[in-house]
């Protein structure tokens, strides 16, 4: 199983990449994995991130991730627009 992850703005900067993949089974497991992988300040920024799963915002960390899903992580920001497609 593989999930595509796109990172924007401060999260992209903290991770040093705009795209990555994961085999996490849930949104919460994905966030934990990425926090462990990229360390601070990624971990603290990701706690406040908006999580978009296949173009739908999700808030439940128990939300399951399917093979081929696209997860977009957006840090808090105001104004402008950005493409949330994988």
PDB file of N, CA and C in Angstrom:
ATOM      1  N   UNK A   1       0.841  -1.177   0.000  1.00  0.00           N
ATOM      2  CA  UNK A   1       0.000   0.000   0.000  1.00  0.00           C
ATOM      3  C   UNK A   1       0.883   1.235   0.000  1.00  0.00           C
ATOM      4  N   UNK A   2       0.473   2.232  -0.752  1.00  0.00           N
ATOM      5  CA  UNK A   2       1.230   3.474  -0.789  1.00  0.00           C
ATOM      6  C   UNK A   2       0.273   4.653  -0.904  1.00  0.00           C
ATOM      7  N   UNK A   3       0.565   5.700  -0.142  1.00  0.00           N
ATOM      8  CA  UNK A   3      -0.206   6.933  -0.142  1.00  0.00           C
ATOM      9  C   UNK A   3       0.723   8.051  -0.576  1.00  0.00           C
ATOM     10  N   UNK A   4       0.260   8.900  -1.474  1.00  0.00           N
ATOM     11  CA  UNK A   4       1.043  10.063  -1.886  1.00  0.00           C
ATOM     12  C   UNK A   4       0.734  11.218  -0.944  1.00  0.00           C
ATOM     13  N   UNK A   5       1.782  11.938  -0.522  1.00  0.00           N
ATOM     14  CA  UNK A   5       1.630  13.048   0.399  1.00  0.00           C
ATOM     15  C   UNK A   5       2.255  14.283  -0.231  1.00  0.00           C
ATOM     16  N   UNK A   6       1.477  15.370  -0.250  1.00  0.00           N
ATOM     17  CA  UNK A   6       1.999  16.657  -0.726  1.00  0.00           C
ATOM     18  C   UNK A   6       2.074  17.610   0.441  1.00  0.00           C
ATOM     19  N   UNK A   7       3.180  18.313   0.537  1.00  0.00           N
ATOM     20  CA  UNK A   7       3.430  19.251   1.630  1.00  0.00           C
ATOM     21  C   UNK A   7       3.545  20.659   1.077  1.00  0.00           C
ATOM     22  N   UNK A   8       2.967  21.612   1.773  1.00  0.00           N
ATOM     23  CA  UNK A   8       2.980  22.994   1.310  1.00  0.00           C
ATOM     24  C   UNK A   8       3.579  23.933   2.344  1.00  0.00           C
ATOM     25  N   UNK A   9       4.110  25.038   1.849  1.00  0.00           N
ATOM     26  CA  UNK A   9       4.588  26.181   2.638  1.00  0.00           C
ATOM     27  C   UNK A   9       5.558  25.739   3.740  1.00  0.00           C
ATOM     28  N   UNK A  10       5.265  26.093   4.998  1.00  0.00           N
ATOM     29  CA  UNK A  10       6.181  25.825   6.103  1.00  0.00           C
ATOM     30  C   UNK A  10       6.425  24.334   6.311  1.00  0.00           C
ATOM     31  N   UNK A  11       5.440  23.501   6.017  1.00  0.00           N
ATOM     32  CA  UNK A  11       5.643  22.052   6.138  1.00  0.00           C
ATOM     33  C   UNK A  11       6.618  21.547   5.078  1.00  0.00           C
ATOM     34  N   UNK A  12       6.497  22.053   3.880  1.00  0.00           N
ATOM     35  CA  UNK A  12       7.433  21.691   2.805  1.00  0.00           C
ATOM     36  C   UNK A  12       8.845  22.133   3.180  1.00  0.00           C
ATOM     37  N   UNK A  13       8.955  23.348   3.701  1.00  0.00           N
ATOM     38  CA  UNK A  13      10.268  23.857   4.084  1.00  0.00           C
ATOM     39  C   UNK A  13      10.888  23.023   5.202  1.00  0.00           C
ATOM     40  N   UNK A  14      10.079  22.662   6.195  1.00  0.00           N
ATOM     41  CA  UNK A  14      10.583  21.879   7.330  1.00  0.00           C
ATOM     42  C   UNK A  14      11.005  20.475   6.902  1.00  0.00           C
ATOM     43  N   UNK A  15      10.287  19.894   5.945  1.00  0.00           N
ATOM     44  CA  UNK A  15      10.607  18.540   5.476  1.00  0.00           C
ATOM     45  C   UNK A  15      11.707  18.536   4.430  1.00  0.00           C
ATOM     46  N   UNK A  16      11.886  19.649   3.747  1.00  0.00           N
ATOM     47  CA  UNK A  16      12.877  19.704   2.685  1.00  0.00           C
ATOM     48  C   UNK A  16      12.413  19.053   1.398  1.00  0.00           C
ATOM     49  N   UNK A  17      11.112  18.814   1.288  1.00  0.00           N
ATOM     50  CA  UNK A  17      10.544  18.208   0.088  1.00  0.00           C
ATOM     51  C   UNK A  17       9.078  18.604  -0.029  1.00  0.00           C
ATOM     52  N   UNK A  18       8.580  18.617  -1.242  1.00  0.00           N
ATOM     53  CA  UNK A  18       7.172  18.931  -1.475  1.00  0.00           C
ATOM     54  C   UNK A  18       6.312  17.684  -1.601  1.00  0.00           C
ATOM     55  N   UNK A  19       6.947  16.531  -1.846  1.00  0.00           N
ATOM     56  CA  UNK A  19       6.208  15.272  -2.034  1.00  0.00           C
ATOM     57  C   UNK A  19       6.935  14.133  -1.343  1.00  0.00           C
ATOM     58  N   UNK A  20       6.136  13.213  -0.832  1.00  0.00           N
ATOM     59  CA  UNK A  20       6.690  11.996  -0.257  1.00  0.00           C
ATOM     60  C   UNK A  20       5.619  10.915  -0.332  1.00  0.00           C
ATOM     61  N   UNK A  21       5.948   9.742   0.104  1.00  0.00           N
ATOM     62  CA  UNK A  21       4.979   8.650   0.149  1.00  0.00           C
ATOM     63  C   UNK A  21       5.004   8.025   1.534  1.00  0.00           C
ATOM     64  N   UNK A  22       3.955   7.276   1.825  1.00  0.00           N
ATOM     65  CA  UNK A  22       3.841   6.605   3.106  1.00  0.00           C
ATOM     66  C   UNK A  22       3.031   5.330   2.927  1.00  0.00           C
ATOM     67  N   UNK A  23       3.205   4.417   3.865  1.00  0.00           N
ATOM     68  CA  UNK A  23       2.396   3.205   3.911  1.00  0.00           C
ATOM     69  C   UNK A  23       1.503   3.211   5.141  1.00  0.00           C
ATOM     70  N   UNK A  24       1.291   4.378   5.754  1.00  0.00           N
ATOM     71  CA  UNK A  24       0.458   4.494   6.953  1.00  0.00           C
ATOM     72  C   UNK A  24      -0.980   4.080   6.654  1.00  0.00           C
ATOM     73  N   UNK A  25      -1.628   3.507   7.656  1.00  0.00           N
ATOM     74  CA  UNK A  25      -2.995   3.018   7.487  1.00  0.00           C
ATOM     75  C   UNK A  25      -4.055   4.059   7.843  1.00  0.00           C
ATOM     76  N   UNK A  26      -3.678   5.057   8.661  1.00  0.00           N
ATOM     77  CA  UNK A  26      -4.634   6.090   9.067  1.00  0.00           C
ATOM     78  C   UNK A  26      -3.988   7.463   8.987  1.00  0.00           C
ATOM     79  N   UNK A  27      -4.810   8.499   9.041  1.00  0.00           N
ATOM     80  CA  UNK A  27      -4.296   9.875   9.023  1.00  0.00           C
ATOM     81  C   UNK A  27      -3.378  10.108  10.221  1.00  0.00           C
ATOM     82  N   UNK A  28      -3.792   9.656  11.405  1.00  0.00           N
ATOM     83  CA  UNK A  28      -2.972   9.837  12.599  1.00  0.00           C
ATOM     84  C   UNK A  28      -1.626   9.146  12.496  1.00  0.00           C
ATOM     85  N   UNK A  29      -1.628   7.920  11.983  1.00  0.00           N
ATOM     86  CA  UNK A  29      -0.374   7.186  11.802  1.00  0.00           C
ATOM     87  C   UNK A  29       0.521   7.897  10.795  1.00  0.00           C
ATOM     88  N   UNK A  30      -0.076   8.477   9.759  1.00  0.00           N
ATOM     89  CA  UNK A  30       0.693   9.233   8.765  1.00  0.00           C
ATOM     90  C   UNK A  30       1.364  10.430   9.414  1.00  0.00           C
ATOM     91  N   UNK A  31       0.604  11.205  10.180  1.00  0.00           N
ATOM     92  CA  UNK A  31       1.176  12.382  10.829  1.00  0.00           C
ATOM     93  C   UNK A  31       2.287  11.998  11.801  1.00  0.00           C
ATOM     94  N   UNK A  32       2.095  10.912  12.549  1.00  0.00           N
ATOM     95  CA  UNK A  32       3.141  10.440  13.467  1.00  0.00           C
ATOM     96  C   UNK A  32       4.390  10.019  12.701  1.00  0.00           C
ATOM     97  N   UNK A  33       4.194   9.296  11.601  1.00  0.00           N
ATOM     98  CA  UNK A  33       5.328   8.837  10.794  1.00  0.00           C
ATOM     99  C   UNK A  33       6.119  10.017  10.238  1.00  0.00           C
ATOM    100  N   UNK A  34       5.404  11.000   9.690  1.00  0.00           N
ATOM    101  CA  UNK A  34       6.086  12.159   9.105  1.00  0.00           C
ATOM    102  C   UNK A  34       6.790  12.991  10.168  1.00  0.00           C
ATOM    103  N   UNK A  35       6.186  13.119  11.344  1.00  0.00           N
ATOM    104  CA  UNK A  35       6.819  13.855  12.438  1.00  0.00           C
ATOM    105  C   UNK A  35       8.117  13.164  12.851  1.00  0.00           C
ATOM    106  N   UNK A  36       8.086  11.832  12.927  1.00  0.00           N
ATOM    107  CA  UNK A  36       9.299  11.087  13.276  1.00  0.00           C
ATOM    108  C   UNK A  36      10.350  11.196  12.168  1.00  0.00           C
ATOM    109  N   UNK A  37       9.903  11.161  10.933  1.00  0.00           N
ATOM    110  CA  UNK A  37      10.819  11.214   9.788  1.00  0.00           C
ATOM    111  C   UNK A  37      11.498  12.575   9.665  1.00  0.00           C
ATOM    112  N   UNK A  38      10.732  13.654   9.847  1.00  0.00           N
ATOM    113  CA  UNK A  38      11.255  15.000   9.588  1.00  0.00           C
ATOM    114  C   UNK A  38      11.587  15.792  10.844  1.00  0.00           C
ATOM    115  N   UNK A  39      11.225  15.300  12.027  1.00  0.00           N
ATOM    116  CA  UNK A  39      11.603  15.954  13.284  1.00  0.00           C
ATOM    117  C   UNK A  39      10.973  17.318  13.486  1.00  0.00           C
ATOM    118  N   UNK A  40      11.587  18.076  14.393  1.00  0.00           N
ATOM    119  CA  UNK A  40      11.153  19.448  14.640  1.00  0.00           C
ATOM    120  C   UNK A  40      11.835  20.336  13.608  1.00  0.00           C
ATOM    121  N   UNK A  41      11.230  21.422  13.127  1.00  0.00           N
ATOM    122  CA  UNK A  41       9.938  21.978  13.504  1.00  0.00           C
ATOM    123  C   UNK A  41       8.744  21.372  12.750  1.00  0.00           C
ATOM    124  N   UNK A  42       8.995  20.372  11.900  1.00  0.00           N
ATOM    125  CA  UNK A  42       7.887  19.773  11.153  1.00  0.00           C
ATOM    126  C   UNK A  42       6.806  19.262  12.106  1.00  0.00           C
ATOM    127  N   UNK A  43       7.207  18.561  13.153  1.00  0.00           N
ATOM    128  CA  UNK A  43       6.248  17.949  14.080  1.00  0.00           C
ATOM    129  C   UNK A  43       5.317  18.989  14.691  1.00  0.00           C
ATOM    130  N   UNK A  44       5.862  20.103  15.163  1.00  0.00           N
ATOM    131  CA  UNK A  44       5.008  21.120  15.789  1.00  0.00           C
ATOM    132  C   UNK A  44       4.107  21.802  14.759  1.00  0.00           C
ATOM    133  N   UNK A  45       4.598  21.995  13.564  1.00  0.00           N
ATOM    134  CA  UNK A  45       3.773  22.616  12.520  1.00  0.00           C
ATOM    135  C   UNK A  45       2.671  21.676  12.031  1.00  0.00           C
ATOM    136  N   UNK A  46       2.968  20.391  11.963  1.00  0.00           N
ATOM    137  CA  UNK A  46       1.977  19.448  11.440  1.00  0.00           C
ATOM    138  C   UNK A  46       0.804  19.261  12.395  1.00  0.00           C
ATOM    139  N   UNK A  47       0.999  19.524  13.687  1.00  0.00           N
ATOM    140  CA  UNK A  47      -0.099  19.399  14.654  1.00  0.00           C
ATOM    141  C   UNK A  47      -1.234  20.382  14.369  1.00  0.00           C
ATOM    142  N   UNK A  48      -0.932  21.482  13.692  1.00  0.00           N
ATOM    143  CA  UNK A  48      -1.949  22.489  13.373  1.00  0.00           C
ATOM    144  C   UNK A  48      -2.340  22.467  11.905  1.00  0.00           C
ATOM    145  N   UNK A  49      -1.848  21.501  11.166  1.00  0.00           N
ATOM    146  CA  UNK A  49      -2.079  21.435   9.721  1.00  0.00           C
ATOM    147  C   UNK A  49      -3.513  21.047   9.392  1.00  0.00           C
ATOM    148  N   UNK A  50      -3.957  21.530   8.260  1.00  0.00           N
ATOM    149  CA  UNK A  50      -5.197  21.055   7.669  1.00  0.00           C
ATOM    150  C   UNK A  50      -4.847  19.838   6.837  1.00  0.00           C
ATOM    151  N   UNK A  51      -5.577  18.750   7.047  1.00  0.00           N
ATOM    152  CA  UNK A  51      -5.345  17.512   6.311  1.00  0.00           C
ATOM    153  C   UNK A  51      -6.454  17.356   5.277  1.00  0.00           C
ATOM    154  N   UNK A  52      -6.066  17.207   4.024  1.00  0.00           N
ATOM    155  CA  UNK A  52      -7.022  17.031   2.935  1.00  0.00           C
ATOM    156  C   UNK A  52      -6.758  15.658   2.326  1.00  0.00           C
ATOM    157  N   UNK A  53      -7.777  14.820   2.357  1.00  0.00           N
ATOM    158  CA  UNK A  53      -7.667  13.461   1.829  1.00  0.00           C
ATOM    159  C   UNK A  53      -8.509  13.354   0.571  1.00  0.00           C
ATOM    160  N   UNK A  54      -7.859  13.137  -0.550  1.00  0.00           N
ATOM    161  CA  UNK A  54      -8.562  13.038  -1.834  1.00  0.00           C
ATOM    162  C   UNK A  54      -9.548  14.194  -2.019  1.00  0.00           C
ATOM    163  N   UNK A  55      -9.051  15.409  -1.732  1.00  0.00           N
ATOM    164  CA  UNK A  55      -9.755  16.682  -1.926  1.00  0.00           C
ATOM    165  C   UNK A  55     -10.833  16.981  -0.887  1.00  0.00           C
ATOM    166  N   UNK A  56     -10.944  16.171   0.183  1.00  0.00           N
ATOM    167  CA  UNK A  56     -11.908  16.416   1.259  1.00  0.00           C
ATOM    168  C   UNK A  56     -11.157  16.608   2.575  1.00  0.00           C
ATOM    169  N   UNK A  57     -11.396  17.737   3.266  1.00  0.00           N
ATOM    170  CA  UNK A  57     -10.748  17.943   4.564  1.00  0.00           C
ATOM    171  C   UNK A  57     -11.187  16.866   5.564  1.00  0.00           C
ATOM    172  N   UNK A  58     -10.248  16.416   6.382  1.00  0.00           N
ATOM    173  CA  UNK A  58     -10.556  15.443   7.424  1.00  0.00           C
ATOM    174  C   UNK A  58      -9.982  15.940   8.753  1.00  0.00           C
ATOM    175  N   UNK A  59     -10.661  15.606   9.843  1.00  0.00           N
ATOM    176  CA  UNK A  59     -10.192  15.997  11.167  1.00  0.00           C
ATOM    177  C   UNK A  59      -9.984  14.806  12.087  1.00  0.00           C
ATOM    178  N   UNK A  60     -10.512  13.653  11.733  1.00  0.00           N
ATOM    179  CA  UNK A  60     -10.408  12.465  12.570  1.00  0.00           C
ATOM    180  C   UNK A  60      -9.107  11.736  12.272  1.00  0.00           C
ATOM    181  N   UNK A  61      -8.197  11.640  13.254  1.00  0.00           N
ATOM    182  CA  UNK A  61      -6.938  10.932  13.007  1.00  0.00           C
ATOM    183  C   UNK A  61      -7.128   9.448  12.719  1.00  0.00           C
ATOM    184  N   UNK A  62      -8.286   8.911  13.037  1.00  0.00           N
ATOM    185  CA  UNK A  62      -8.562   7.512  12.759  1.00  0.00           C
ATOM    186  C   UNK A  62      -9.051   7.252  11.350  1.00  0.00           C
ATOM    187  N   UNK A  63      -9.165   8.299  10.538  1.00  0.00           N
ATOM    188  CA  UNK A  63      -9.623   8.140   9.158  1.00  0.00           C
ATOM    189  C   UNK A  63      -8.672   7.214   8.407  1.00  0.00           C
ATOM    190  N   UNK A  64      -9.196   6.142   7.814  1.00  0.00           N
ATOM    191  CA  UNK A  64      -8.327   5.199   7.103  1.00  0.00           C
ATOM    192  C   UNK A  64      -7.820   5.771   5.779  1.00  0.00           C
ATOM    193  N   UNK A  65      -6.649   5.316   5.397  1.00  0.00           N
ATOM    194  CA  UNK A  65      -6.043   5.691   4.123  1.00  0.00           C
ATOM    195  C   UNK A  65      -6.041   4.470   3.210  1.00  0.00           C
ATOM    196  N   UNK A  66      -6.529   4.651   2.004  1.00  0.00           N
ATOM    197  CA  UNK A  66      -6.569   3.565   1.020  1.00  0.00           C
ATOM    198  C   UNK A  66      -5.348   3.641   0.112  1.00  0.00           C
ATOM    199  N   UNK A  67      -4.992   2.520  -0.455  1.00  0.00           N
ATOM    200  CA  UNK A  67      -3.904   2.474  -1.418  1.00  0.00           C
ATOM    201  C   UNK A  67      -4.182   3.472  -2.544  1.00  0.00           C
ATOM    202  N   UNK A  68      -3.200   4.288  -2.865  1.00  0.00           N
ATOM    203  CA  UNK A  68      -3.337   5.270  -3.933  1.00  0.00           C
ATOM    204  C   UNK A  68      -3.963   6.576  -3.513  1.00  0.00           C
ATOM    205  N   UNK A  69      -4.289   6.718  -2.232  1.00  0.00           N
ATOM    206  CA  UNK A  69      -4.893   7.960  -1.755  1.00  0.00           C
ATOM    207  C   UNK A  69      -3.895   9.113  -1.868  1.00  0.00           C
ATOM    208  N   UNK A  70      -4.443  10.309  -1.918  1.00  0.00           N
ATOM    209  CA  UNK A  70      -3.639  11.527  -1.949  1.00  0.00           C
ATOM    210  C   UNK A  70      -3.951  12.336  -0.698  1.00  0.00           C
ATOM    211  N   UNK A  71      -2.919  12.630   0.078  1.00  0.00           N
ATOM    212  CA  UNK A  71      -3.062  13.448   1.278  1.00  0.00           C
ATOM    213  C   UNK A  71      -2.282  14.732   1.071  1.00  0.00           C
ATOM    214  N   UNK A  72      -2.949  15.848   1.305  1.00  0.00           N
ATOM    215  CA  UNK A  72      -2.317  17.160   1.224  1.00  0.00           C
ATOM    216  C   UNK A  72      -2.281  17.733   2.632  1.00  0.00           C
ATOM    217  N   UNK A  73      -1.115  18.228   3.051  1.00  0.00           N
ATOM    218  CA  UNK A  73      -0.972  18.861   4.357  1.00  0.00           C
ATOM    219  C   UNK A  73      -0.705  20.343   4.158  1.00  0.00           C
ATOM    220  N   UNK A  74      -1.593  21.148   4.737  1.00  0.00           N
ATOM    221  CA  UNK A  74      -1.512  22.601   4.611  1.00  0.00           C
ATOM    222  C   UNK A  74      -1.347  23.213   5.995  1.00  0.00           C
ATOM    223  N   UNK A  75      -0.280  23.970   6.225  1.00  0.00           N
ATOM    224  CA  UNK A  75      -0.156  24.655   7.509  1.00  0.00           C
ATOM    225  C   UNK A  75      -1.162  25.799   7.564  1.00  0.00           C
ATOM    226  N   UNK A  76      -1.440  26.323   8.760  1.00  0.00           N
ATOM    227  CA  UNK A  76      -2.341  27.481   8.846  1.00  0.00           C
ATOM    228  C   UNK A  76      -1.796  28.631   8.016  1.00  0.00           C
ATOM    229  N   UNK A  77      -2.648  29.227   7.226  1.00  0.00           N
ATOM    230  CA  UNK A  77      -2.249  30.377   6.410  1.00  0.00           C
ATOM    231  C   UNK A  77      -3.496  31.172   6.061  1.00  0.00           C
ATOM    232  N   UNK A  78      -3.275  32.361   5.538  1.00  0.00           N
ATOM    233  CA  UNK A  78      -4.423  33.177   5.127  1.00  0.00           C
ATOM    234  C   UNK A  78      -4.167  33.717   3.739  1.00  0.00           C
ATOM    235  N   UNK A  79      -5.258  33.902   3.012  1.00  0.00           N
ATOM    236  CA  UNK A  79      -5.176  34.487   1.683  1.00  0.00           C
ATOM    237  C   UNK A  79      -4.621  33.531   0.653  1.00  0.00           C
ATOM    238  N   UNK A  80      -4.731  33.927  -0.605  1.00  0.00           N
ATOM    239  CA  UNK A  80      -4.187  33.146  -1.703  1.00  0.00           C
ATOM    240  C   UNK A  80      -4.921  31.837  -1.913  1.00  0.00           C
ATOM    241  N   UNK A  81      -4.476  31.120  -2.894  1.00  0.00           N
ATOM    242  CA  UNK A  81      -5.044  29.809  -3.156  1.00  0.00           C
ATOM    243  C   UNK A  81      -3.937  28.897  -3.647  1.00  0.00           C
ATOM    244  N   UNK A  82      -4.184  27.635  -3.541  1.00  0.00           N
ATOM    245  CA  UNK A  82      -3.186  26.669  -3.942  1.00  0.00           C
ATOM    246  C   UNK A  82      -3.907  25.436  -4.476  1.00  0.00           C
ATOM    247  N   UNK A  83      -3.319  24.792  -5.438  1.00  0.00           N
ATOM    248  CA  UNK A  83      -3.889  23.562  -5.953  1.00  0.00           C
ATOM    249  C   UNK A  83      -3.672  22.450  -4.949  1.00  0.00           C
ATOM    250  N   UNK A  84      -4.749  21.741  -4.602  1.00  0.00           N
ATOM    251  CA  UNK A  84      -4.641  20.664  -3.636  1.00  0.00           C
ATOM    252  C   UNK A  84      -4.689  19.304  -4.307  1.00  0.00           C
ATOM    253  N   UNK A  85      -4.341  19.241  -5.569  1.00  0.00           N
ATOM    254  CA  UNK A  85      -4.358  17.973  -6.289  1.00  0.00           C
ATOM    255  C   UNK A  85      -3.004  17.318  -6.209  1.00  0.00           C
ATOM    256  N   UNK A  86      -3.007  15.982  -6.194  1.00  0.00           N
ATOM    257  CA  UNK A  86      -1.734  15.232  -6.192  1.00  0.00           C
ATOM    258  C   UNK A  86      -1.162  15.124  -7.559  1.00  0.00           C
TER     259      UNK A  86
END
